[in-house]
PDB file of N, CA and C in Angstrom:
ATOM      1  N   UNK A   1      93.281 105.169  68.661  1.00  0.00           N
ATOM      2  CA  UNK A   1      94.064 106.069  69.769  1.00  0.00           C
ATOM      3  C   UNK A   1      95.511 105.186  69.978  1.00  0.00           C
ATOM      4  N   UNK A   2      96.553 105.832  70.086  1.00  0.00           N
ATOM      5  CA  UNK A   2      97.795 105.319  70.324  1.00  0.00           C
ATOM      6  C   UNK A   2      97.857 104.357  71.473  1.00  0.00           C
ATOM      7  N   UNK A   3      98.473 103.326  71.373  1.00  0.00           N
ATOM      8  CA  UNK A   3      98.651 102.565  72.874  1.00  0.00           C
ATOM      9  C   UNK A   3      99.711 101.222  72.367  1.00  0.00           C
ATOM     10  N   UNK A   4      99.818 100.582  73.531  1.00  0.00           N
ATOM     11  CA  UNK A   4     100.707  99.417  73.378  1.00  0.00           C
ATOM     12  C   UNK A   4      99.848  98.118  73.182  1.00  0.00           C
ATOM     13  N   UNK A   5      98.585  98.113  73.482  1.00  0.00           N
ATOM     14  CA  UNK A   5      97.796  96.904  73.341  1.00  0.00           C
ATOM     15  C   UNK A   5      97.205  96.704  72.053  1.00  0.00           C
ATOM     16  N   UNK A   6      96.783  95.374  71.862  1.00  0.00           N
ATOM     17  CA  UNK A   6      96.048  95.145  70.585  1.00  0.00           C
ATOM     18  C   UNK A   6      94.732  95.874  70.626  1.00  0.00           C
ATOM     19  N   UNK A   7      94.445  96.291  69.386  1.00  0.00           N
ATOM     20  CA  UNK A   7      93.141  97.107  69.192  1.00  0.00           C
ATOM     21  C   UNK A   7      93.435  98.524  69.443  1.00  0.00           C
ATOM     22  N   UNK A   8      94.707  98.938  69.580  1.00  0.00           N
ATOM     23  CA  UNK A   8      95.102 100.379  69.516  1.00  0.00           C
ATOM     24  C   UNK A   8      95.660 100.750  68.281  1.00  0.00           C
ATOM     25  N   UNK A   9      95.938 101.875  68.147  1.00  0.00           N
ATOM     26  CA  UNK A   9      96.712 102.418  66.888  1.00  0.00           C
ATOM     27  C   UNK A   9      98.173 102.046  66.705  1.00  0.00           C
ATOM     28  N   UNK A  10      98.691 101.636  67.965  1.00  0.00           N
ATOM     29  CA  UNK A  10     100.152 101.477  68.044  1.00  0.00           C
ATOM     30  C   UNK A  10     100.745 102.886  68.283  1.00  0.00           C
ATOM     31  N   UNK A  11     102.094 102.823  68.092  1.00  0.00           N
ATOM     32  CA  UNK A  11     102.792 104.021  68.422  1.00  0.00           C
ATOM     33  C   UNK A  11     103.860 104.305  67.235  1.00  0.00           C
ATOM     34  N   UNK A  12     103.966 105.552  66.807  1.00  0.00           N
ATOM     35  CA  UNK A  12     104.844 106.107  65.757  1.00  0.00           C
ATOM     36  C   UNK A  12     106.308 106.055  66.305  1.00  0.00           C
ATOM     37  N   UNK A  13     107.377 105.467  65.600  1.00  0.00           N
ATOM     38  CA  UNK A  13     108.796 105.654  65.807  1.00  0.00           C
ATOM     39  C   UNK A  13     109.457 105.350  64.571  1.00  0.00           C
ATOM     40  N   UNK A  14     110.768 105.774  64.799  1.00  0.00           N
ATOM     41  CA  UNK A  14     111.578 105.657  63.450  1.00  0.00           C
ATOM     42  C   UNK A  14     111.842 104.317  62.955  1.00  0.00           C
ATOM     43  N   UNK A  15     111.988 104.093  61.652  1.00  0.00           N
ATOM     44  CA  UNK A  15     112.221 102.936  61.054  1.00  0.00           C
ATOM     45  C   UNK A  15     113.595 102.514  61.651  1.00  0.00           C
ATOM     46  N   UNK A  16     113.406 101.175  62.234  1.00  0.00           N
ATOM     47  CA  UNK A  16     114.932 100.606  62.584  1.00  0.00           C
ATOM     48  C   UNK A  16     115.139 101.072  64.043  1.00  0.00           C
ATOM     49  N   UNK A  17     114.418 101.797  64.700  1.00  0.00           N
ATOM     50  CA  UNK A  17     114.726 102.068  66.111  1.00  0.00           C
ATOM     51  C   UNK A  17     114.684 101.085  67.096  1.00  0.00           C
ATOM     52  N   UNK A  18     114.040 100.025  67.028  1.00  0.00           N
ATOM     53  CA  UNK A  18     114.082  98.830  68.002  1.00  0.00           C
ATOM     54  C   UNK A  18     115.447  98.226  67.763  1.00  0.00           C
ATOM     55  N   UNK A  19     115.951  98.059  66.535  1.00  0.00           N
ATOM     56  CA  UNK A  19     117.084  97.241  66.159  1.00  0.00           C
ATOM     57  C   UNK A  19     118.241  98.138  66.575  1.00  0.00           C
ATOM     58  N   UNK A  20     118.204  99.359  66.321  1.00  0.00           N
ATOM     59  CA  UNK A  20     119.299 100.465  66.806  1.00  0.00           C
ATOM     60  C   UNK A  20     119.535 100.381  68.291  1.00  0.00           C
ATOM     61  N   UNK A  21     118.443 100.295  69.016  1.00  0.00           N
ATOM     62  CA  UNK A  21     118.207 100.155  70.486  1.00  0.00           C
ATOM     63  C   UNK A  21     119.052  99.048  70.987  1.00  0.00           C
ATOM     64  N   UNK A  22     118.573  97.903  70.312  1.00  0.00           N
ATOM     65  CA  UNK A  22     119.018  96.465  70.630  1.00  0.00           C
ATOM     66  C   UNK A  22     120.595  96.653  70.521  1.00  0.00           C
ATOM     67  N   UNK A  23     120.965  97.014  69.418  1.00  0.00           N
ATOM     68  CA  UNK A  23     122.588  96.897  68.971  1.00  0.00           C
ATOM     69  C   UNK A  23     123.300  97.890  70.042  1.00  0.00           C
ATOM     70  N   UNK A  24     122.901  98.999  70.560  1.00  0.00           N
ATOM     71  CA  UNK A  24     123.337  99.990  71.337  1.00  0.00           C
ATOM     72  C   UNK A  24     123.468  99.296  72.981  1.00  0.00           C
ATOM     73  N   UNK A  25     122.269  98.488  73.076  1.00  0.00           N
ATOM     74  CA  UNK A  25     122.341  97.942  74.528  1.00  0.00           C
ATOM     75  C   UNK A  25     123.303  96.842  74.687  1.00  0.00           C
ATOM     76  N   UNK A  26     123.677  96.250  73.579  1.00  0.00           N
ATOM     77  CA  UNK A  26     124.671  95.022  73.500  1.00  0.00           C
ATOM     78  C   UNK A  26     126.139  95.613  73.165  1.00  0.00           C
ATOM     79  N   UNK A  27     126.301  96.887  73.159  1.00  0.00           N
ATOM     80  CA  UNK A  27     127.549  97.538  72.674  1.00  0.00           C
ATOM     81  C   UNK A  27     128.137  98.439  73.835  1.00  0.00           C
ATOM     82  N   UNK A  28     128.997  97.739  74.816  1.00  0.00           N
ATOM     83  CA  UNK A  28     129.532  98.546  76.019  1.00  0.00           C
ATOM     84  C   UNK A  28     130.391  99.652  75.480  1.00  0.00           C
ATOM     85  N   UNK A  29     131.001  99.545  74.409  1.00  0.00           N
ATOM     86  CA  UNK A  29     131.988 100.708  74.062  1.00  0.00           C
ATOM     87  C   UNK A  29     131.266 101.870  73.511  1.00  0.00           C
ATOM     88  N   UNK A  30     130.053 101.565  72.865  1.00  0.00           N
ATOM     89  CA  UNK A  30     129.090 102.580  72.236  1.00  0.00           C
ATOM     90  C   UNK A  30     128.380 103.378  73.513  1.00  0.00           C
ATOM     91  N   UNK A  31     128.124 102.369  74.388  1.00  0.00           N
ATOM     92  CA  UNK A  31     127.514 103.145  75.773  1.00  0.00           C
ATOM     93  C   UNK A  31     128.507 104.102  76.408  1.00  0.00           C
ATOM     94  N   UNK A  32     129.887 103.471  76.549  1.00  0.00           N
ATOM     95  CA  UNK A  32     130.727 104.417  77.237  1.00  0.00           C
ATOM     96  C   UNK A  32     131.050 105.693  76.603  1.00  0.00           C
ATOM     97  N   UNK A  33     131.059 105.537  75.242  1.00  0.00           N
ATOM     98  CA  UNK A  33     131.414 106.978  74.429  1.00  0.00           C
ATOM     99  C   UNK A  33     130.091 107.683  74.774  1.00  0.00           C
ATOM    100  N   UNK A  34     129.014 107.199  74.488  1.00  0.00           N
ATOM    101  CA  UNK A  34     127.681 108.212  74.797  1.00  0.00           C
ATOM    102  C   UNK A  34     127.756 108.899  76.149  1.00  0.00           C
ATOM    103  N   UNK A  35     128.019 108.012  77.092  1.00  0.00           N
ATOM    104  CA  UNK A  35     128.160 108.745  78.600  1.00  0.00           C
ATOM    105  C   UNK A  35     129.306 109.690  78.810  1.00  0.00           C
ATOM    106  N   UNK A  36     130.502 109.282  78.181  1.00  0.00           N
ATOM    107  CA  UNK A  36     131.491 110.122  78.244  1.00  0.00           C
ATOM    108  C   UNK A  36     131.248 111.530  77.399  1.00  0.00           C
ATOM    109  N   UNK A  37     130.446 111.393  76.331  1.00  0.00           N
ATOM    110  CA  UNK A  37     130.153 112.664  75.755  1.00  0.00           C
ATOM    111  C   UNK A  37     129.334 113.628  76.366  1.00  0.00           C
ATOM    112  N   UNK A  38     128.413 112.896  77.363  1.00  0.00           N
ATOM    113  CA  UNK A  38     127.832 113.639  78.289  1.00  0.00           C
ATOM    114  C   UNK A  38     128.438 114.284  79.625  1.00  0.00           C
ATOM    115  N   UNK A  39     129.559 113.794  79.828  1.00  0.00           N
ATOM    116  CA  UNK A  39     130.475 114.206  80.923  1.00  0.00           C
ATOM    117  C   UNK A  39     130.208 113.172  82.070  1.00  0.00           C
ATOM    118  N   UNK A  40     129.668 111.876  81.823  1.00  0.00           N
ATOM    119  CA  UNK A  40     129.437 111.034  82.744  1.00  0.00           C
ATOM    120  C   UNK A  40     130.498 109.784  82.845  1.00  0.00           C
ATOM    121  N   UNK A  41     131.075 109.595  83.872  1.00  0.00           N
ATOM    122  CA  UNK A  41     132.008 108.496  84.139  1.00  0.00           C
ATOM    123  C   UNK A  41     131.719 107.692  85.425  1.00  0.00           C
ATOM    124  N   UNK A  42     130.691 106.755  85.135  1.00  0.00           N
ATOM    125  CA  UNK A  42     130.258 105.961  86.172  1.00  0.00           C
ATOM    126  C   UNK A  42     131.279 105.156  86.758  1.00  0.00           C
ATOM    127  N   UNK A  43     131.310 104.935  88.262  1.00  0.00           N
ATOM    128  CA  UNK A  43     132.259 104.116  88.838  1.00  0.00           C
ATOM    129  C   UNK A  43     132.266 102.660  88.429  1.00  0.00           C
ATOM    130  N   UNK A  44     133.224 102.139  88.392  1.00  0.00           N
ATOM    131  CA  UNK A  44     133.168 100.570  88.010  1.00  0.00           C
ATOM    132  C   UNK A  44     132.372  99.796  88.946  1.00  0.00           C
ATOM    133  N   UNK A  45     131.484  98.827  88.237  1.00  0.00           N
ATOM    134  CA  UNK A  45     130.742  98.038  89.189  1.00  0.00           C
ATOM    135  C   UNK A  45     129.372  98.772  89.739  1.00  0.00           C
ATOM    136  N   UNK A  46     129.164 100.132  89.561  1.00  0.00           N
ATOM    137  CA  UNK A  46     128.135 100.673  89.838  1.00  0.00           C
ATOM    138  C   UNK A  46     126.917 100.610  88.951  1.00  0.00           C
ATOM    139  N   UNK A  47     125.804 100.525  89.592  1.00  0.00           N
ATOM    140  CA  UNK A  47     124.407 100.522  88.883  1.00  0.00           C
ATOM    141  C   UNK A  47     124.257 101.908  88.282  1.00  0.00           C
ATOM    142  N   UNK A  48     124.035 101.968  87.031  1.00  0.00           N
ATOM    143  CA  UNK A  48     123.525 103.322  86.478  1.00  0.00           C
ATOM    144  C   UNK A  48     122.151 103.466  86.329  1.00  0.00           C
ATOM    145  N   UNK A  49     121.636 104.426  86.842  1.00  0.00           N
ATOM    146  CA  UNK A  49     120.341 104.634  86.513  1.00  0.00           C
ATOM    147  C   UNK A  49     119.851 106.153  86.268  1.00  0.00           C
ATOM    148  N   UNK A  50     118.782 106.286  85.590  1.00  0.00           N
ATOM    149  CA  UNK A  50     118.334 107.701  84.974  1.00  0.00           C
ATOM    150  C   UNK A  50     117.185 107.880  85.768  1.00  0.00           C
ATOM    151  N   UNK A  51     117.131 109.010  86.330  1.00  0.00           N
ATOM    152  CA  UNK A  51     115.751 109.559  87.084  1.00  0.00           C
ATOM    153  C   UNK A  51     115.123 110.489  86.315  1.00  0.00           C
ATOM    154  N   UNK A  52     113.803 110.069  85.847  1.00  0.00           N
ATOM    155  CA  UNK A  52     112.886 111.341  85.444  1.00  0.00           C
ATOM    156  C   UNK A  52     111.608 111.405  86.264  1.00  0.00           C
ATOM    157  N   UNK A  53     111.528 112.401  86.846  1.00  0.00           N
ATOM    158  CA  UNK A  53     110.291 112.525  87.864  1.00  0.00           C
ATOM    159  C   UNK A  53     109.989 113.868  88.075  1.00  0.00           C
ATOM    160  N   UNK A  54     108.766 114.241  88.594  1.00  0.00           N
ATOM    161  CA  UNK A  54     108.367 115.463  88.935  1.00  0.00           C
ATOM    162  C   UNK A  54     108.466 115.425  90.473  1.00  0.00           C
ATOM    163  N   UNK A  55     108.120 116.508  91.254  1.00  0.00           N
ATOM    164  CA  UNK A  55     108.150 116.623  92.695  1.00  0.00           C
ATOM    165  C   UNK A  55     107.412 115.252  93.264  1.00  0.00           C
ATOM    166  N   UNK A  56     108.178 114.924  94.071  1.00  0.00           N
ATOM    167  CA  UNK A  56     107.778 113.616  94.655  1.00  0.00           C
ATOM    168  C   UNK A  56     108.004 113.340  96.125  1.00  0.00           C
ATOM    169  N   UNK A  57     107.162 113.268  97.036  1.00  0.00           N
ATOM    170  CA  UNK A  57     107.427 113.195  98.575  1.00  0.00           C
ATOM    171  C   UNK A  57     108.081 111.886  98.852  1.00  0.00           C
ATOM    172  N   UNK A  58     107.950 111.015  97.904  1.00  0.00           N
ATOM    173  CA  UNK A  58     108.617 109.689  98.289  1.00  0.00           C
ATOM    174  C   UNK A  58     109.916 109.347  97.781  1.00  0.00           C
ATOM    175  N   UNK A  59     110.593 110.416  97.193  1.00  0.00           N
ATOM    176  CA  UNK A  59     111.801 110.263  96.624  1.00  0.00           C
ATOM    177  C   UNK A  59     112.788 110.240  97.694  1.00  0.00           C
ATOM    178  N   UNK A  60     112.757 110.943  98.817  1.00  0.00           N
ATOM    179  CA  UNK A  60     113.778 110.690  99.739  1.00  0.00           C
ATOM    180  C   UNK A  60     113.773 109.252 100.332  1.00  0.00           C
ATOM    181  N   UNK A  61     112.733 108.651 100.592  1.00  0.00           N
ATOM    182  CA  UNK A  61     112.968 107.345 101.106  1.00  0.00           C
ATOM    183  C   UNK A  61     113.568 106.328 100.141  1.00  0.00           C
ATOM    184  N   UNK A  62     113.202 106.597  98.683  1.00  0.00           N
ATOM    185  CA  UNK A  62     113.837 105.829  97.806  1.00  0.00           C
ATOM    186  C   UNK A  62     115.400 106.111  97.783  1.00  0.00           C
ATOM    187  N   UNK A  63     115.569 107.317  97.649  1.00  0.00           N
ATOM    188  CA  UNK A  63     117.122 107.605  97.736  1.00  0.00           C
ATOM    189  C   UNK A  63     118.004 106.937  98.938  1.00  0.00           C
ATOM    190  N   UNK A  64     117.215 107.102 100.150  1.00  0.00           N
ATOM    191  CA  UNK A  64     117.895 106.378 101.288  1.00  0.00           C
ATOM    192  C   UNK A  64     117.979 104.980 101.077  1.00  0.00           C
ATOM    193  N   UNK A  65     117.148 104.223 100.446  1.00  0.00           N
ATOM    194  CA  UNK A  65     117.292 102.812 100.085  1.00  0.00           C
ATOM    195  C   UNK A  65     118.406 102.633  99.063  1.00  0.00           C
ATOM    196  N   UNK A  66     118.504 103.390  98.164  1.00  0.00           N
ATOM    197  CA  UNK A  66     119.695 103.311  97.189  1.00  0.00           C
ATOM    198  C   UNK A  66     120.909 103.404  97.890  1.00  0.00           C
ATOM    199  N   UNK A  67     120.879 104.413  98.964  1.00  0.00           N
ATOM    200  CA  UNK A  67     122.217 104.799  99.518  1.00  0.00           C
ATOM    201  C   UNK A  67     122.759 103.644 100.364  1.00  0.00           C
ATOM    202  N   UNK A  68     121.731 102.860 101.019  1.00  0.00           N
ATOM    203  CA  UNK A  68     122.130 101.733 101.865  1.00  0.00           C
ATOM    204  C   UNK A  68     122.269 100.415 101.256  1.00  0.00           C
ATOM    205  N   UNK A  69     122.173 100.418  99.938  1.00  0.00           N
ATOM    206  CA  UNK A  69     122.302  99.116  99.286  1.00  0.00           C
ATOM    207  C   UNK A  69     123.723  98.680  99.166  1.00  0.00           C
ATOM    208  N   UNK A  70     124.222  97.317  99.019  1.00  0.00           N
ATOM    209  CA  UNK A  70     125.360  97.151  98.901  1.00  0.00           C
ATOM    210  C   UNK A  70     125.929  97.457  97.660  1.00  0.00           C
ATOM    211  N   UNK A  71     125.129  97.631  96.456  1.00  0.00           N
ATOM    212  CA  UNK A  71     125.462  97.988  95.271  1.00  0.00           C
ATOM    213  C   UNK A  71     125.583  99.591  95.094  1.00  0.00           C
ATOM    214  N   UNK A  72     126.668  99.864  94.835  1.00  0.00           N
ATOM    215  CA  UNK A  72     126.842 101.217  94.413  1.00  0.00           C
ATOM    216  C   UNK A  72     125.918 101.739  93.204  1.00  0.00           C
ATOM    217  N   UNK A  73     125.293 103.068  93.257  1.00  0.00           N
ATOM    218  CA  UNK A  73     124.398 103.550  92.270  1.00  0.00           C
ATOM    219  C   UNK A  73     124.965 104.908  91.732  1.00  0.00           C
ATOM    220  N   UNK A  74     125.246 104.967  90.558  1.00  0.00           N
ATOM    221  CA  UNK A  74     125.416 106.372  89.864  1.00  0.00           C
ATOM    222  C   UNK A  74     124.013 106.733  89.283  1.00  0.00           C
ATOM    223  N   UNK A  75     123.423 107.739  89.876  1.00  0.00           N
ATOM    224  CA  UNK A  75     122.127 108.271  89.501  1.00  0.00           C
ATOM    225  C   UNK A  75     122.223 109.397  88.602  1.00  0.00           C
ATOM    226  N   UNK A  76     121.786 109.343  87.365  1.00  0.00           N
ATOM    227  CA  UNK A  76     121.733 110.605  86.415  1.00  0.00           C
ATOM    228  C   UNK A  76     120.496 111.294  86.704  1.00  0.00           C
ATOM    229  N   UNK A  77     120.528 112.492  87.016  1.00  0.00           N
ATOM    230  CA  UNK A  77     119.351 113.326  87.141  1.00  0.00           C
ATOM    231  C   UNK A  77     119.364 114.572  86.390  1.00  0.00           C
ATOM    232  N   UNK A  78     118.411 114.669  85.339  1.00  0.00           N
ATOM    233  CA  UNK A  78     118.446 115.848  84.417  1.00  0.00           C
ATOM    234  C   UNK A  78     117.953 117.070  85.158  1.00  0.00           C
ATOM    235  N   UNK A  79     118.422 118.214  84.543  1.00  0.00           N
ATOM    236  CA  UNK A  79     117.865 119.431  85.304  1.00  0.00           C
ATOM    237  C   UNK A  79     116.401 119.534  85.084  1.00  0.00           C
ATOM    238  N   UNK A  80     115.658 119.961  86.157  1.00  0.00           N
ATOM    239  CA  UNK A  80     114.288 120.195  86.245  1.00  0.00           C
ATOM    240  C   UNK A  80     113.926 120.369  87.781  1.00  0.00           C
ATOM    241  N   UNK A  81     112.503 120.209  87.941  1.00  0.00           N
ATOM    242  CA  UNK A  81     111.961 120.436  89.143  1.00  0.00           C
ATOM    243  C   UNK A  81     112.217 119.516  90.055  1.00  0.00           C
ATOM    244  N   UNK A  82     112.812 118.432  89.720  1.00  0.00           N
ATOM    245  CA  UNK A  82     112.902 117.197  90.804  1.00  0.00           C
ATOM    246  C   UNK A  82     114.399 117.574  91.606  1.00  0.00           C
ATOM    247  N   UNK A  83     115.083 118.424  91.002  1.00  0.00           N
ATOM    248  CA  UNK A  83     116.355 118.740  91.653  1.00  0.00           C
ATOM    249  C   UNK A  83     116.405 119.055  93.186  1.00  0.00           C
ATOM    250  N   UNK A  84     115.551 119.781  93.500  1.00  0.00           N
ATOM    251  CA  UNK A  84     115.232 120.178  94.845  1.00  0.00           C
ATOM    252  C   UNK A  84     114.945 119.047  95.857  1.00  0.00           C
ATOM    253  N   UNK A  85     114.040 118.060  95.307  1.00  0.00           N
ATOM    254  CA  UNK A  85     113.904 117.196  96.164  1.00  0.00           C
ATOM    255  C   UNK A  85     115.049 116.041  96.296  1.00  0.00           C
ATOM    256  N   UNK A  86     115.900 115.974  95.304  1.00  0.00           N
ATOM    257  CA  UNK A  86     117.288 115.220  95.044  1.00  0.00           C
ATOM    258  C   UNK A  86     118.181 115.786  96.225  1.00  0.00           C
ATOM    259  N   UNK A  87     118.304 116.980  96.077  1.00  0.00           N
ATOM    260  CA  UNK A  87     119.248 117.762  96.948  1.00  0.00           C
ATOM    261  C   UNK A  87     118.774 117.559  98.598  1.00  0.00           C
TER     262      UNK A  87
END
């Protein structure tokens, strides 16, 4: 069976994917170009987060915590069922 632990069959991924990911994480210009291509222009100094979730009664409380934090958050929310809870 696939899995992350020893004794499992591991996970399939593209050759070189981890190296590409690391290079992207260390390249602020590449990250900026990627976000701009998606129409995302985060405010300077804001924490950038991506939310993937299904309907969740606890989401409102979490968003309240983010809203009252001293650090601004730019939250990316993909279209989907979670949008009603976010709004």
